[in-house]
N, C-alpha and C. Protein backbone atom coordinates (compact mmCIF):
# COMPACT_ATOMS: atom_id res chain seq x y z
N UNK A 1 -2.75 -9.44 -14.97
CA UNK A 1 -3.02 -8.68 -13.79
C UNK A 1 -1.93 -8.95 -12.76
N UNK A 2 -1.46 -7.92 -12.14
CA UNK A 2 -0.43 -8.06 -11.12
C UNK A 2 -0.97 -7.59 -9.78
N UNK A 3 -0.26 -7.92 -8.73
CA UNK A 3 -0.64 -7.44 -7.41
C UNK A 3 0.17 -6.21 -7.05
N UNK A 4 0.41 -6.03 -5.77
CA UNK A 4 1.19 -4.90 -5.31
C UNK A 4 0.58 -3.57 -5.69
N UNK A 5 1.45 -2.61 -5.96
CA UNK A 5 1.01 -1.26 -6.27
C UNK A 5 0.23 -1.18 -7.58
N UNK A 6 0.29 -2.22 -8.40
CA UNK A 6 -0.43 -2.22 -9.68
C UNK A 6 -1.71 -3.06 -9.63
N UNK A 7 -2.09 -3.49 -8.45
CA UNK A 7 -3.26 -4.36 -8.31
C UNK A 7 -4.53 -3.80 -8.91
N UNK A 8 -4.73 -2.49 -8.80
CA UNK A 8 -5.97 -1.88 -9.29
C UNK A 8 -5.84 -1.24 -10.67
N UNK A 9 -4.71 -1.43 -11.35
CA UNK A 9 -4.56 -0.81 -12.67
C UNK A 9 -5.66 -1.23 -13.63
N UNK A 10 -6.16 -2.45 -13.51
CA UNK A 10 -7.22 -2.94 -14.40
C UNK A 10 -8.49 -2.10 -14.30
N UNK A 11 -8.68 -1.41 -13.19
CA UNK A 11 -9.93 -0.69 -12.93
C UNK A 11 -9.92 0.73 -13.49
N UNK A 12 -8.74 1.23 -13.88
CA UNK A 12 -8.66 2.61 -14.38
C UNK A 12 -9.50 2.76 -15.65
N UNK A 13 -10.19 3.90 -15.74
CA UNK A 13 -10.97 4.22 -16.93
C UNK A 13 -12.46 4.22 -16.64
N UNK A 14 -13.23 4.18 -17.73
CA UNK A 14 -14.70 4.29 -17.65
C UNK A 14 -15.35 2.91 -17.70
N UNK A 15 -16.45 2.77 -16.93
CA UNK A 15 -17.20 1.52 -16.85
C UNK A 15 -18.70 1.81 -16.82
N UNK A 16 -19.47 0.90 -17.40
CA UNK A 16 -20.91 0.81 -17.13
C UNK A 16 -21.04 -0.21 -16.01
N UNK A 17 -21.96 0.04 -15.10
CA UNK A 17 -22.09 -0.83 -13.93
C UNK A 17 -23.52 -1.34 -13.81
N UNK A 18 -23.65 -2.62 -13.53
CA UNK A 18 -24.93 -3.20 -13.12
C UNK A 18 -24.80 -3.54 -11.65
N UNK A 19 -25.61 -2.88 -10.83
CA UNK A 19 -25.62 -3.11 -9.38
C UNK A 19 -26.72 -4.12 -9.06
N UNK A 20 -26.42 -5.06 -8.17
CA UNK A 20 -27.43 -5.95 -7.61
C UNK A 20 -27.29 -5.87 -6.09
N UNK A 21 -28.40 -5.55 -5.41
CA UNK A 21 -28.38 -5.42 -3.95
C UNK A 21 -29.48 -6.27 -3.33
N UNK A 22 -29.19 -6.82 -2.16
CA UNK A 22 -30.23 -7.45 -1.35
C UNK A 22 -31.16 -6.36 -0.82
N UNK A 23 -32.44 -6.64 -0.78
CA UNK A 23 -33.38 -5.64 -0.26
C UNK A 23 -33.20 -5.42 1.24
N UNK A 24 -32.81 -6.45 1.97
CA UNK A 24 -32.57 -6.33 3.42
C UNK A 24 -31.28 -7.09 3.75
N UNK A 25 -30.42 -6.44 4.51
CA UNK A 25 -29.12 -7.03 4.86
C UNK A 25 -29.19 -7.68 6.24
N UNK A 26 -28.49 -8.81 6.35
CA UNK A 26 -28.41 -9.57 7.61
C UNK A 26 -29.79 -9.86 8.19
N UNK A 27 -30.71 -10.19 7.29
CA UNK A 27 -32.08 -10.49 7.70
C UNK A 27 -32.59 -11.77 7.06
N UNK A 28 -31.69 -12.56 6.46
CA UNK A 28 -32.10 -13.79 5.80
C UNK A 28 -32.82 -13.54 4.48
N UNK A 29 -32.73 -12.34 3.94
CA UNK A 29 -33.44 -11.99 2.69
C UNK A 29 -32.84 -12.74 1.50
N UNK A 30 -33.68 -13.00 0.52
CA UNK A 30 -33.26 -13.61 -0.74
C UNK A 30 -33.70 -12.77 -1.93
N UNK A 31 -34.32 -11.62 -1.64
CA UNK A 31 -34.89 -10.75 -2.67
C UNK A 31 -33.86 -9.70 -3.09
N UNK A 32 -33.43 -9.77 -4.35
CA UNK A 32 -32.45 -8.84 -4.90
C UNK A 32 -33.14 -7.86 -5.84
N UNK A 33 -32.56 -6.66 -5.99
CA UNK A 33 -33.00 -5.73 -7.02
C UNK A 33 -31.76 -5.23 -7.76
N UNK A 34 -31.97 -4.79 -9.00
CA UNK A 34 -30.85 -4.37 -9.84
C UNK A 34 -31.11 -2.97 -10.39
N UNK A 35 -30.02 -2.26 -10.67
CA UNK A 35 -30.12 -0.94 -11.27
C UNK A 35 -28.78 -0.60 -11.93
N UNK A 36 -28.79 0.38 -12.86
CA UNK A 36 -27.56 0.74 -13.57
C UNK A 36 -26.78 1.84 -12.87
N UNK A 37 -25.57 2.02 -13.35
CA UNK A 37 -24.73 3.11 -12.89
C UNK A 37 -23.52 3.24 -13.79
N UNK A 38 -22.66 4.18 -13.47
CA UNK A 38 -21.40 4.35 -14.19
C UNK A 38 -20.29 4.52 -13.17
N UNK A 39 -19.08 4.27 -13.61
CA UNK A 39 -17.90 4.39 -12.76
C UNK A 39 -16.76 4.95 -13.60
N UNK A 40 -16.05 5.92 -13.05
CA UNK A 40 -14.83 6.46 -13.67
C UNK A 40 -13.73 6.38 -12.62
N UNK A 41 -12.64 5.68 -12.93
CA UNK A 41 -11.54 5.48 -11.99
C UNK A 41 -10.27 6.11 -12.56
N UNK A 42 -9.62 6.95 -11.76
CA UNK A 42 -8.40 7.62 -12.18
C UNK A 42 -7.30 7.44 -11.15
N UNK A 43 -6.05 7.23 -11.62
CA UNK A 43 -4.93 7.07 -10.68
C UNK A 43 -4.60 8.39 -9.98
N UNK A 44 -4.04 8.27 -8.77
CA UNK A 44 -3.54 9.41 -7.99
C UNK A 44 -2.18 9.01 -7.40
N UNK A 45 -1.45 9.98 -6.92
CA UNK A 45 -0.17 9.76 -6.22
C UNK A 45 0.79 8.90 -7.05
N UNK A 46 0.93 9.26 -8.32
CA UNK A 46 1.85 8.55 -9.23
C UNK A 46 1.58 7.05 -9.28
N UNK A 47 0.30 6.67 -9.19
CA UNK A 47 -0.07 5.27 -9.32
C UNK A 47 -0.16 4.51 -8.02
N UNK A 48 0.13 5.13 -6.88
CA UNK A 48 0.02 4.43 -5.60
C UNK A 48 -1.39 4.47 -5.03
N UNK A 49 -2.32 4.95 -5.83
CA UNK A 49 -3.71 4.98 -5.41
C UNK A 49 -4.60 5.35 -6.58
N UNK A 50 -5.89 5.35 -6.33
CA UNK A 50 -6.84 5.82 -7.32
C UNK A 50 -8.11 6.29 -6.61
N UNK A 51 -8.86 7.07 -7.33
CA UNK A 51 -10.13 7.58 -6.82
C UNK A 51 -11.16 7.39 -7.92
N UNK A 52 -12.39 7.14 -7.52
CA UNK A 52 -13.43 6.95 -8.53
C UNK A 52 -14.62 7.85 -8.28
N UNK A 53 -15.40 7.98 -9.32
CA UNK A 53 -16.70 8.65 -9.26
C UNK A 53 -17.73 7.61 -9.66
N UNK A 54 -18.57 7.24 -8.72
CA UNK A 54 -19.69 6.31 -8.94
C UNK A 54 -20.96 7.13 -9.09
N UNK A 55 -21.72 6.87 -10.13
CA UNK A 55 -23.06 7.42 -10.25
C UNK A 55 -23.99 6.23 -10.20
N UNK A 56 -24.82 6.17 -9.14
CA UNK A 56 -25.68 5.03 -8.89
C UNK A 56 -27.13 5.45 -9.10
N UNK A 57 -27.79 4.82 -10.05
CA UNK A 57 -29.20 5.13 -10.34
C UNK A 57 -30.12 4.22 -9.54
N UNK A 58 -29.87 4.16 -8.24
CA UNK A 58 -30.62 3.31 -7.32
C UNK A 58 -32.10 3.74 -7.32
N UNK A 59 -33.04 2.80 -7.50
CA UNK A 59 -34.45 3.17 -7.50
C UNK A 59 -34.93 3.74 -6.15
N UNK A 60 -34.17 3.50 -5.09
CA UNK A 60 -34.50 4.07 -3.78
C UNK A 60 -33.99 5.50 -3.64
N UNK A 61 -33.36 6.00 -4.69
CA UNK A 61 -32.81 7.36 -4.70
C UNK A 61 -31.42 7.37 -5.31
N UNK A 62 -31.29 8.00 -6.47
CA UNK A 62 -29.99 8.07 -7.14
C UNK A 62 -29.01 8.88 -6.28
N UNK A 63 -27.73 8.52 -6.35
CA UNK A 63 -26.71 9.24 -5.61
C UNK A 63 -25.34 9.06 -6.24
N UNK A 64 -24.41 9.91 -5.80
CA UNK A 64 -23.00 9.80 -6.18
C UNK A 64 -22.22 9.25 -5.00
N UNK A 65 -21.14 8.55 -5.32
CA UNK A 65 -20.27 8.02 -4.28
C UNK A 65 -18.83 8.00 -4.82
N UNK A 66 -17.89 7.88 -3.89
CA UNK A 66 -16.48 7.82 -4.27
C UNK A 66 -15.78 6.75 -3.44
N UNK A 67 -14.84 6.08 -4.07
CA UNK A 67 -13.90 5.21 -3.35
C UNK A 67 -12.51 5.80 -3.51
N UNK A 68 -11.76 5.78 -2.43
CA UNK A 68 -10.35 6.14 -2.46
C UNK A 68 -9.57 4.90 -2.08
N UNK A 69 -8.66 4.48 -2.97
CA UNK A 69 -7.83 3.30 -2.73
C UNK A 69 -6.38 3.75 -2.67
N UNK A 70 -5.68 3.37 -1.59
CA UNK A 70 -4.28 3.75 -1.42
C UNK A 70 -3.44 2.52 -1.08
N UNK A 71 -2.28 2.41 -1.73
CA UNK A 71 -1.37 1.30 -1.52
C UNK A 71 -0.28 1.72 -0.53
N UNK A 72 -0.04 0.90 0.49
CA UNK A 72 1.01 1.14 1.47
C UNK A 72 2.23 0.31 1.07
N UNK A 73 3.26 0.97 0.57
CA UNK A 73 4.44 0.29 0.08
C UNK A 73 5.11 -0.52 1.19
N UNK A 74 5.06 -0.03 2.43
CA UNK A 74 5.75 -0.71 3.53
C UNK A 74 5.08 -2.03 3.93
N UNK A 75 3.76 -2.13 3.79
CA UNK A 75 3.05 -3.36 4.18
C UNK A 75 2.60 -4.20 2.98
N UNK A 76 2.54 -3.58 1.79
CA UNK A 76 2.03 -4.28 0.62
C UNK A 76 0.52 -4.41 0.62
N UNK A 77 -0.16 -3.60 1.45
CA UNK A 77 -1.61 -3.68 1.58
C UNK A 77 -2.29 -2.44 1.00
N UNK A 78 -3.48 -2.67 0.47
CA UNK A 78 -4.35 -1.60 0.00
C UNK A 78 -5.36 -1.27 1.10
N UNK A 79 -5.67 0.02 1.25
CA UNK A 79 -6.78 0.47 2.10
C UNK A 79 -7.79 1.16 1.19
N UNK A 80 -9.08 0.88 1.43
CA UNK A 80 -10.13 1.43 0.58
C UNK A 80 -11.18 2.08 1.47
N UNK A 81 -11.46 3.35 1.18
CA UNK A 81 -12.49 4.11 1.90
C UNK A 81 -13.63 4.40 0.96
N UNK A 82 -14.87 4.48 1.48
CA UNK A 82 -16.08 4.76 0.71
C UNK A 82 -16.77 5.97 1.33
N UNK A 83 -17.20 6.88 0.47
CA UNK A 83 -18.03 8.00 0.89
C UNK A 83 -19.15 8.16 -0.13
N UNK A 84 -20.30 8.60 0.34
CA UNK A 84 -21.38 8.92 -0.60
C UNK A 84 -22.24 10.03 -0.04
N UNK A 85 -23.03 10.63 -0.89
CA UNK A 85 -23.76 11.83 -0.51
C UNK A 85 -24.94 11.56 0.42
N UNK A 86 -25.24 10.28 0.70
CA UNK A 86 -26.33 9.98 1.62
C UNK A 86 -25.94 10.22 3.07
N UNK A 87 -24.63 10.37 3.34
CA UNK A 87 -24.15 10.55 4.70
C UNK A 87 -22.89 11.41 4.66
N UNK A 88 -22.60 12.09 5.74
CA UNK A 88 -21.36 12.87 5.79
C UNK A 88 -20.21 12.04 6.35
N UNK A 89 -20.46 10.81 6.75
CA UNK A 89 -19.43 9.95 7.34
C UNK A 89 -18.57 9.30 6.27
N UNK A 90 -17.31 9.03 6.63
CA UNK A 90 -16.43 8.22 5.80
C UNK A 90 -16.43 6.83 6.42
N UNK A 91 -16.79 5.82 5.62
CA UNK A 91 -16.81 4.46 6.16
C UNK A 91 -15.41 4.03 6.57
N UNK A 92 -15.29 3.20 7.61
CA UNK A 92 -13.97 2.66 7.97
C UNK A 92 -13.40 1.90 6.78
N UNK A 93 -12.08 1.90 6.61
CA UNK A 93 -11.52 1.25 5.43
C UNK A 93 -11.60 -0.27 5.52
N UNK A 94 -11.62 -0.88 4.34
CA UNK A 94 -11.34 -2.30 4.22
C UNK A 94 -9.90 -2.40 3.74
N UNK A 95 -9.17 -3.39 4.22
CA UNK A 95 -7.73 -3.49 3.96
C UNK A 95 -7.41 -4.90 3.48
N UNK A 96 -6.58 -4.98 2.44
CA UNK A 96 -6.19 -6.30 1.93
C UNK A 96 -5.25 -6.19 0.75
N UNK A 97 -5.25 -7.27 -0.04
CA UNK A 97 -4.31 -7.35 -1.17
C UNK A 97 -4.87 -8.25 -2.25
N UNK A 98 -4.15 -8.27 -3.36
CA UNK A 98 -4.47 -9.16 -4.47
C UNK A 98 -3.61 -10.40 -4.38
N UNK A 99 -4.26 -11.55 -4.52
CA UNK A 99 -3.56 -12.83 -4.58
C UNK A 99 -4.32 -13.71 -5.55
N UNK A 100 -3.60 -14.37 -6.43
CA UNK A 100 -4.23 -15.26 -7.39
C UNK A 100 -5.21 -14.55 -8.31
N UNK A 101 -4.96 -13.27 -8.60
CA UNK A 101 -5.82 -12.54 -9.52
C UNK A 101 -7.08 -11.95 -8.91
N UNK A 102 -7.24 -12.08 -7.59
CA UNK A 102 -8.44 -11.56 -6.93
C UNK A 102 -8.01 -10.74 -5.72
N UNK A 103 -8.63 -9.57 -5.56
CA UNK A 103 -8.37 -8.74 -4.39
C UNK A 103 -9.41 -8.99 -3.32
N UNK A 104 -8.96 -9.22 -2.09
CA UNK A 104 -9.87 -9.46 -0.97
C UNK A 104 -9.48 -8.51 0.17
N UNK A 105 -10.50 -7.85 0.73
CA UNK A 105 -10.29 -6.77 1.68
C UNK A 105 -11.28 -6.91 2.83
N UNK A 106 -10.80 -6.69 4.05
CA UNK A 106 -11.63 -6.86 5.25
C UNK A 106 -11.59 -5.61 6.11
N UNK A 107 -12.66 -5.39 6.86
CA UNK A 107 -12.71 -4.29 7.81
C UNK A 107 -13.80 -4.52 8.84
N UNK A 108 -13.80 -3.65 9.83
CA UNK A 108 -14.81 -3.68 10.89
C UNK A 108 -15.68 -2.44 10.76
N UNK A 109 -16.97 -2.61 10.99
CA UNK A 109 -17.91 -1.50 10.87
C UNK A 109 -19.08 -1.77 11.80
N UNK A 110 -20.08 -0.90 11.72
CA UNK A 110 -21.34 -1.10 12.42
C UNK A 110 -22.45 -1.19 11.40
N UNK A 111 -23.42 -2.06 11.67
CA UNK A 111 -24.63 -2.13 10.85
C UNK A 111 -25.81 -2.23 11.80
N UNK A 112 -26.76 -1.31 11.65
CA UNK A 112 -27.92 -1.24 12.54
C UNK A 112 -27.46 -1.18 14.00
N UNK A 113 -26.34 -0.46 14.24
CA UNK A 113 -25.84 -0.28 15.60
C UNK A 113 -25.06 -1.44 16.17
N UNK A 114 -24.85 -2.51 15.38
CA UNK A 114 -24.14 -3.69 15.86
C UNK A 114 -22.83 -3.88 15.10
N UNK A 115 -21.79 -4.37 15.77
CA UNK A 115 -20.51 -4.58 15.08
C UNK A 115 -20.61 -5.70 14.04
N UNK A 116 -19.98 -5.45 12.90
CA UNK A 116 -19.92 -6.45 11.83
C UNK A 116 -18.51 -6.48 11.24
N UNK A 117 -18.21 -7.57 10.54
CA UNK A 117 -17.04 -7.63 9.66
C UNK A 117 -17.55 -7.37 8.25
N UNK A 118 -16.75 -6.67 7.47
CA UNK A 118 -17.07 -6.38 6.08
C UNK A 118 -15.98 -7.02 5.22
N UNK A 119 -16.40 -7.66 4.13
CA UNK A 119 -15.46 -8.21 3.15
C UNK A 119 -15.85 -7.69 1.78
N UNK A 120 -14.88 -7.14 1.06
CA UNK A 120 -15.13 -6.79 -0.33
C UNK A 120 -14.11 -7.52 -1.19
N UNK A 121 -14.51 -7.80 -2.42
CA UNK A 121 -13.60 -8.44 -3.36
C UNK A 121 -13.65 -7.68 -4.69
N UNK A 122 -12.54 -7.68 -5.38
CA UNK A 122 -12.44 -7.16 -6.74
C UNK A 122 -11.82 -8.26 -7.58
N UNK A 123 -12.43 -8.52 -8.72
CA UNK A 123 -11.90 -9.57 -9.59
C UNK A 123 -12.00 -9.15 -11.05
N UNK A 124 -10.84 -8.91 -11.68
CA UNK A 124 -10.89 -8.67 -13.12
C UNK A 124 -11.23 -9.98 -13.82
N UNK A 125 -12.15 -9.93 -14.75
CA UNK A 125 -12.55 -11.14 -15.47
C UNK A 125 -11.82 -11.21 -16.80
N UNK A 126 -11.78 -10.10 -17.52
CA UNK A 126 -10.99 -9.95 -18.73
C UNK A 126 -10.79 -8.46 -18.95
N UNK A 127 -10.27 -8.06 -20.11
CA UNK A 127 -9.98 -6.63 -20.33
C UNK A 127 -11.22 -5.75 -20.30
N UNK A 128 -12.39 -6.33 -20.48
CA UNK A 128 -13.62 -5.54 -20.60
C UNK A 128 -14.61 -5.77 -19.48
N UNK A 129 -14.29 -6.67 -18.52
CA UNK A 129 -15.25 -6.98 -17.46
C UNK A 129 -14.52 -7.20 -16.14
N UNK A 130 -15.21 -6.81 -15.06
CA UNK A 130 -14.69 -7.03 -13.71
C UNK A 130 -15.88 -7.11 -12.77
N UNK A 131 -15.63 -7.54 -11.52
CA UNK A 131 -16.71 -7.66 -10.55
C UNK A 131 -16.22 -7.27 -9.17
N UNK A 132 -17.11 -6.62 -8.43
CA UNK A 132 -16.90 -6.26 -7.03
C UNK A 132 -18.03 -6.88 -6.23
N UNK A 133 -17.72 -7.40 -5.04
CA UNK A 133 -18.77 -7.89 -4.14
C UNK A 133 -18.54 -7.32 -2.75
N UNK A 134 -19.63 -7.20 -2.03
CA UNK A 134 -19.58 -6.82 -0.61
C UNK A 134 -20.35 -7.85 0.18
N UNK A 135 -19.76 -8.29 1.29
CA UNK A 135 -20.44 -9.24 2.18
C UNK A 135 -20.28 -8.76 3.62
N UNK A 136 -21.29 -9.06 4.44
CA UNK A 136 -21.26 -8.74 5.87
C UNK A 136 -21.28 -10.03 6.67
N UNK A 137 -20.64 -9.97 7.83
CA UNK A 137 -20.68 -11.07 8.80
C UNK A 137 -21.01 -10.49 10.16
N UNK A 138 -22.02 -11.05 10.81
CA UNK A 138 -22.35 -10.61 12.16
C UNK A 138 -21.91 -11.63 13.21
N UNK A 139 -21.09 -12.61 12.77
CA UNK A 139 -20.57 -13.63 13.70
C UNK A 139 -19.04 -13.72 13.65
N UNK A 140 -18.40 -12.57 13.43
CA UNK A 140 -16.94 -12.53 13.47
C UNK A 140 -16.25 -13.15 12.28
N UNK A 141 -16.97 -13.37 11.19
CA UNK A 141 -16.38 -13.94 9.98
C UNK A 141 -16.59 -15.43 9.83
N UNK A 142 -17.37 -16.04 10.71
CA UNK A 142 -17.66 -17.47 10.58
C UNK A 142 -18.56 -17.74 9.37
N UNK A 143 -19.47 -16.80 9.09
CA UNK A 143 -20.33 -16.91 7.91
C UNK A 143 -20.48 -15.53 7.29
N UNK A 144 -20.75 -15.52 5.99
CA UNK A 144 -20.83 -14.27 5.24
C UNK A 144 -22.10 -14.21 4.43
N UNK A 145 -22.69 -13.02 4.34
CA UNK A 145 -23.84 -12.78 3.49
C UNK A 145 -23.43 -11.75 2.43
N UNK A 146 -23.36 -12.17 1.17
CA UNK A 146 -23.12 -11.22 0.08
C UNK A 146 -24.39 -10.39 -0.07
N UNK A 147 -24.22 -9.04 -0.05
CA UNK A 147 -25.40 -8.19 -0.11
C UNK A 147 -25.37 -7.17 -1.25
N UNK A 148 -24.25 -7.09 -1.96
CA UNK A 148 -24.14 -6.14 -3.06
C UNK A 148 -23.10 -6.66 -4.04
N UNK A 149 -23.45 -6.65 -5.32
CA UNK A 149 -22.54 -7.05 -6.39
C UNK A 149 -22.56 -5.96 -7.45
N UNK A 150 -21.39 -5.54 -7.89
CA UNK A 150 -21.27 -4.62 -9.01
C UNK A 150 -20.58 -5.36 -10.15
N UNK A 151 -21.25 -5.41 -11.30
CA UNK A 151 -20.67 -5.99 -12.50
C UNK A 151 -20.21 -4.84 -13.38
N UNK A 152 -18.92 -4.75 -13.66
CA UNK A 152 -18.35 -3.67 -14.47
C UNK A 152 -18.16 -4.16 -15.91
N UNK A 153 -18.59 -3.33 -16.85
CA UNK A 153 -18.37 -3.60 -18.28
C UNK A 153 -17.88 -2.32 -18.94
N UNK A 154 -16.86 -2.46 -19.81
CA UNK A 154 -16.36 -1.29 -20.53
C UNK A 154 -17.41 -0.80 -21.51
N UNK A 155 -17.58 0.53 -21.61
CA UNK A 155 -18.55 1.05 -22.60
C UNK A 155 -18.05 0.86 -24.03
């Protein structure tokens, strides 16, 4: 696995996904639920980005979502945007890079009307498995609560 413009090459193609989510975010919850999904990731812009199609079979209501990842050659940073059919809004991007085989990305957003920091990570495990995590911080990044994990497996 390499960084830079090829950081996300490992993610291209089809995946089966196991989602695990906290039932309540930033509430001290410890109760997780799991559900299946699929992911298809394709390169765009001659490899300087990619877009995916997520199908999430969430028991609270199945939905489709997309991530757009773009590499900025001038800064060496990736920006990642998320959209899904539950809202017409585009989430603010998380921005970061791959180092030591793991991609870490940060951004600012709102949760329940309050400002938060968002951290996502991508980690290829081997040719057939990878993992994504999302964590929120309501104290400026002093502490983090992981609230969503996606385990990717090749079909």
